[in-house]
Amino acid sequence: MSSARFPARFARDVGLAVRELDPQVGKSLRGALEQAEADPWSWPQADRYDLDDAVRVITVDRAIVHYAVLPEPPHLWVFAIALI
């Protein structure tokens, strides 16, 4: 495993939604995103039938987040959030 970090970058709408989360949900999501930044492949593929394994999904209490692992420059593009 590489020691490179993949800082998370958020789509505007996702960033706005994250700011409005319940504090406990936000804390869980921050922890999950920190894990993804350190090891982007630690979360499962968004769709097991998807041909692009760079798209991953994080599920926490009351939120599902999709991100893509982008190599240049290395970062995570957090492009979708669903509140459940």
N, C-alpha and C. Protein backbone atom coordinates (compact mmCIF):
# COMPACT_ATOMS: atom_id res chain seq x y z
N MET A 1 0.84 -1.17 0.00
CA MET A 1 0.00 0.00 0.00
C MET A 1 0.89 1.24 0.00
N SER A 2 0.51 2.21 -0.79
CA SER A 2 1.25 3.45 -0.91
C SER A 2 0.99 4.34 0.30
N SER A 3 1.98 5.18 0.64
CA SER A 3 1.81 6.11 1.75
C SER A 3 1.19 7.42 1.28
N ALA A 4 0.90 7.54 -0.02
CA ALA A 4 0.30 8.76 -0.57
C ALA A 4 -1.10 8.94 0.00
N ARG A 5 -1.45 10.18 0.25
CA ARG A 5 -2.81 10.49 0.70
C ARG A 5 -3.62 10.97 -0.49
N PHE A 6 -4.88 10.72 -0.43
CA PHE A 6 -5.82 11.13 -1.47
C PHE A 6 -6.82 12.10 -0.83
N PRO A 7 -6.49 13.39 -0.77
CA PRO A 7 -7.41 14.33 -0.13
C PRO A 7 -8.76 14.35 -0.83
N ALA A 8 -9.81 14.48 -0.04
CA ALA A 8 -11.17 14.50 -0.58
C ALA A 8 -11.51 15.89 -1.10
N ARG A 9 -12.08 15.92 -2.28
CA ARG A 9 -12.63 17.14 -2.87
C ARG A 9 -14.11 16.87 -3.14
N PHE A 10 -14.94 17.85 -2.83
CA PHE A 10 -16.37 17.65 -2.88
C PHE A 10 -17.02 18.43 -4.01
N ALA A 11 -17.98 17.79 -4.67
CA ALA A 11 -18.86 18.53 -5.57
C ALA A 11 -19.61 19.54 -4.71
N ARG A 12 -19.95 20.68 -5.28
CA ARG A 12 -20.56 21.76 -4.52
C ARG A 12 -21.80 21.30 -3.77
N ASP A 13 -22.70 20.63 -4.44
CA ASP A 13 -23.95 20.19 -3.80
C ASP A 13 -23.69 19.20 -2.66
N VAL A 14 -22.70 18.36 -2.83
CA VAL A 14 -22.36 17.40 -1.79
C VAL A 14 -21.81 18.13 -0.57
N GLY A 15 -20.92 19.07 -0.80
CA GLY A 15 -20.35 19.85 0.30
C GLY A 15 -21.42 20.59 1.08
N LEU A 16 -22.38 21.16 0.37
CA LEU A 16 -23.48 21.85 1.05
C LEU A 16 -24.33 20.88 1.87
N ALA A 17 -24.60 19.70 1.34
CA ALA A 17 -25.38 18.70 2.07
C ALA A 17 -24.64 18.20 3.30
N VAL A 18 -23.33 18.01 3.17
CA VAL A 18 -22.53 17.53 4.30
C VAL A 18 -22.57 18.54 5.45
N ARG A 19 -22.55 19.80 5.13
CA ARG A 19 -22.59 20.84 6.18
C ARG A 19 -23.90 20.81 6.97
N GLU A 20 -24.95 20.30 6.35
CA GLU A 20 -26.26 20.28 7.00
C GLU A 20 -26.54 18.98 7.77
N LEU A 21 -25.60 18.05 7.75
CA LEU A 21 -25.83 16.77 8.42
C LEU A 21 -25.91 16.94 9.94
N ASP A 22 -26.66 16.04 10.55
CA ASP A 22 -26.67 15.93 12.00
C ASP A 22 -25.22 15.77 12.46
N PRO A 23 -24.82 16.40 13.58
CA PRO A 23 -23.42 16.32 14.02
C PRO A 23 -22.87 14.91 14.17
N GLN A 24 -23.67 13.98 14.68
CA GLN A 24 -23.18 12.60 14.83
C GLN A 24 -22.95 11.93 13.48
N VAL A 25 -23.84 12.17 12.54
CA VAL A 25 -23.69 11.61 11.19
C VAL A 25 -22.46 12.23 10.53
N GLY A 26 -22.31 13.53 10.70
CA GLY A 26 -21.14 14.22 10.14
C GLY A 26 -19.84 13.67 10.70
N LYS A 27 -19.83 13.39 12.00
CA LYS A 27 -18.63 12.83 12.63
C LYS A 27 -18.31 11.45 12.05
N SER A 28 -19.32 10.61 11.89
CA SER A 28 -19.12 9.29 11.30
C SER A 28 -18.60 9.40 9.87
N LEU A 29 -19.18 10.31 9.11
CA LEU A 29 -18.76 10.49 7.72
C LEU A 29 -17.33 11.01 7.65
N ARG A 30 -16.96 11.95 8.50
CA ARG A 30 -15.58 12.45 8.52
C ARG A 30 -14.60 11.32 8.79
N GLY A 31 -14.91 10.47 9.76
CA GLY A 31 -14.03 9.35 10.06
C GLY A 31 -13.89 8.40 8.88
N ALA A 32 -15.01 8.14 8.20
CA ALA A 32 -14.98 7.25 7.03
C ALA A 32 -14.17 7.88 5.90
N LEU A 33 -14.33 9.18 5.70
CA LEU A 33 -13.57 9.85 4.64
C LEU A 33 -12.08 9.90 4.98
N GLU A 34 -11.73 10.04 6.23
CA GLU A 34 -10.31 10.00 6.60
C GLU A 34 -9.72 8.63 6.29
N GLN A 35 -10.48 7.58 6.54
CA GLN A 35 -10.04 6.24 6.18
C GLN A 35 -9.85 6.14 4.66
N ALA A 36 -10.80 6.68 3.91
CA ALA A 36 -10.71 6.63 2.44
C ALA A 36 -9.53 7.45 1.93
N GLU A 37 -9.24 8.57 2.56
CA GLU A 37 -8.09 9.38 2.13
C GLU A 37 -6.78 8.62 2.32
N ALA A 38 -6.69 7.85 3.38
CA ALA A 38 -5.48 7.08 3.65
C ALA A 38 -5.41 5.81 2.79
N ASP A 39 -6.55 5.20 2.53
CA ASP A 39 -6.62 3.97 1.74
C ASP A 39 -7.90 3.99 0.92
N PRO A 40 -7.86 4.62 -0.27
CA PRO A 40 -9.09 4.79 -1.06
C PRO A 40 -9.76 3.50 -1.48
N TRP A 41 -9.03 2.41 -1.48
CA TRP A 41 -9.59 1.13 -1.92
C TRP A 41 -10.22 0.36 -0.76
N SER A 42 -10.22 0.96 0.45
CA SER A 42 -10.74 0.26 1.62
C SER A 42 -12.26 0.15 1.62
N TRP A 43 -12.94 0.94 0.81
CA TRP A 43 -14.39 0.90 0.71
C TRP A 43 -14.79 0.11 -0.53
N PRO A 44 -15.94 -0.52 -0.52
CA PRO A 44 -16.34 -1.37 -1.65
C PRO A 44 -16.69 -0.57 -2.90
N GLN A 45 -16.65 -1.27 -4.03
CA GLN A 45 -17.08 -0.66 -5.29
C GLN A 45 -18.52 -0.22 -5.15
N ALA A 46 -18.86 0.84 -5.87
CA ALA A 46 -20.22 1.37 -5.80
C ALA A 46 -21.22 0.39 -6.39
N ASP A 47 -20.82 -0.35 -7.40
CA ASP A 47 -21.70 -1.30 -8.03
C ASP A 47 -20.85 -2.49 -8.45
N ARG A 48 -21.20 -3.64 -7.96
CA ARG A 48 -20.36 -4.80 -8.26
C ARG A 48 -20.33 -5.14 -9.74
N TYR A 49 -21.28 -4.61 -10.50
CA TYR A 49 -21.28 -4.87 -11.94
C TYR A 49 -20.61 -3.75 -12.73
N ASP A 50 -20.18 -2.72 -12.03
CA ASP A 50 -19.55 -1.57 -12.66
C ASP A 50 -18.17 -1.96 -13.20
N LEU A 51 -17.86 -1.53 -14.39
CA LEU A 51 -16.56 -1.86 -14.97
C LEU A 51 -15.45 -0.96 -14.44
N ASP A 52 -15.81 0.14 -13.80
CA ASP A 52 -14.81 1.07 -13.27
C ASP A 52 -14.68 0.87 -11.76
N ASP A 53 -13.62 0.20 -11.35
CA ASP A 53 -13.47 -0.08 -9.92
C ASP A 53 -13.00 1.13 -9.13
N ALA A 54 -12.77 2.27 -9.78
CA ALA A 54 -12.36 3.49 -9.08
C ALA A 54 -13.52 4.17 -8.38
N VAL A 55 -14.75 3.79 -8.68
CA VAL A 55 -15.92 4.39 -8.03
C VAL A 55 -16.25 3.55 -6.80
N ARG A 56 -16.25 4.22 -5.64
CA ARG A 56 -16.43 3.55 -4.36
C ARG A 56 -17.59 4.15 -3.60
N VAL A 57 -18.06 3.42 -2.59
CA VAL A 57 -19.21 3.88 -1.81
C VAL A 57 -18.89 3.76 -0.32
N ILE A 58 -19.28 4.80 0.40
CA ILE A 58 -19.19 4.81 1.87
C ILE A 58 -20.61 4.83 2.40
N THR A 59 -20.88 3.94 3.33
CA THR A 59 -22.19 3.92 3.97
C THR A 59 -22.00 4.13 5.46
N VAL A 60 -22.63 5.18 5.97
CA VAL A 60 -22.65 5.44 7.41
C VAL A 60 -24.11 5.60 7.81
N ASP A 61 -24.36 5.69 9.09
CA ASP A 61 -25.73 5.87 9.57
C ASP A 61 -26.35 7.10 8.92
N ARG A 62 -27.42 6.89 8.15
CA ARG A 62 -28.22 7.94 7.53
C ARG A 62 -27.56 8.65 6.34
N ALA A 63 -26.48 8.11 5.79
CA ALA A 63 -25.89 8.72 4.60
C ALA A 63 -25.12 7.69 3.78
N ILE A 64 -25.22 7.84 2.46
CA ILE A 64 -24.44 7.03 1.52
C ILE A 64 -23.71 8.02 0.62
N VAL A 65 -22.40 7.85 0.50
CA VAL A 65 -21.56 8.76 -0.28
C VAL A 65 -20.83 7.97 -1.36
N HIS A 66 -20.80 8.51 -2.57
CA HIS A 66 -20.03 7.92 -3.66
C HIS A 66 -18.84 8.82 -3.96
N TYR A 67 -17.69 8.17 -4.20
CA TYR A 67 -16.50 8.91 -4.60
C TYR A 67 -15.75 8.14 -5.67
N ALA A 68 -14.94 8.88 -6.41
CA ALA A 68 -14.06 8.28 -7.41
C ALA A 68 -12.63 8.53 -6.99
N VAL A 69 -11.77 7.54 -7.19
CA VAL A 69 -10.35 7.66 -6.90
C VAL A 69 -9.68 8.17 -8.16
N LEU A 70 -9.12 9.37 -8.11
CA LEU A 70 -8.47 9.97 -9.27
C LEU A 70 -6.97 10.07 -9.01
N PRO A 71 -6.15 9.58 -9.97
CA PRO A 71 -4.71 9.47 -9.73
C PRO A 71 -3.90 10.76 -9.92
N GLU A 72 -4.32 11.66 -10.77
CA GLU A 72 -3.50 12.84 -11.08
C GLU A 72 -4.28 14.13 -10.98
N PRO A 73 -3.97 14.98 -10.07
CA PRO A 73 -3.22 14.68 -8.85
C PRO A 73 -4.04 13.75 -7.97
N PRO A 74 -3.39 12.96 -7.13
CA PRO A 74 -4.12 11.98 -6.34
C PRO A 74 -5.16 12.64 -5.42
N HIS A 75 -6.41 12.28 -5.62
CA HIS A 75 -7.48 12.79 -4.75
C HIS A 75 -8.73 11.96 -4.92
N LEU A 76 -9.66 12.17 -4.00
CA LEU A 76 -10.97 11.54 -4.07
C LEU A 76 -11.95 12.61 -4.51
N TRP A 77 -12.76 12.31 -5.52
CA TRP A 77 -13.82 13.22 -5.96
C TRP A 77 -15.12 12.70 -5.37
N VAL A 78 -15.61 13.38 -4.34
CA VAL A 78 -16.85 13.00 -3.68
C VAL A 78 -17.98 13.66 -4.47
N PHE A 79 -18.71 12.87 -5.24
CA PHE A 79 -19.62 13.45 -6.22
C PHE A 79 -21.10 13.22 -5.93
N ALA A 80 -21.43 12.39 -4.93
CA ALA A 80 -22.85 12.14 -4.64
C ALA A 80 -23.04 11.80 -3.17
N ILE A 81 -24.19 12.23 -2.65
CA ILE A 81 -24.59 11.86 -1.30
C ILE A 81 -26.09 11.60 -1.31
N ALA A 82 -26.48 10.55 -0.63
CA ALA A 82 -27.90 10.25 -0.44
C ALA A 82 -28.14 10.16 1.06
N LEU A 83 -29.13 10.89 1.51
CA LEU A 83 -29.47 10.86 2.92
C LEU A 83 -30.59 9.85 3.12
N ILE A 84 -30.40 8.94 4.08
CA ILE A 84 -31.37 7.88 4.30
C ILE A 84 -31.96 7.97 5.70
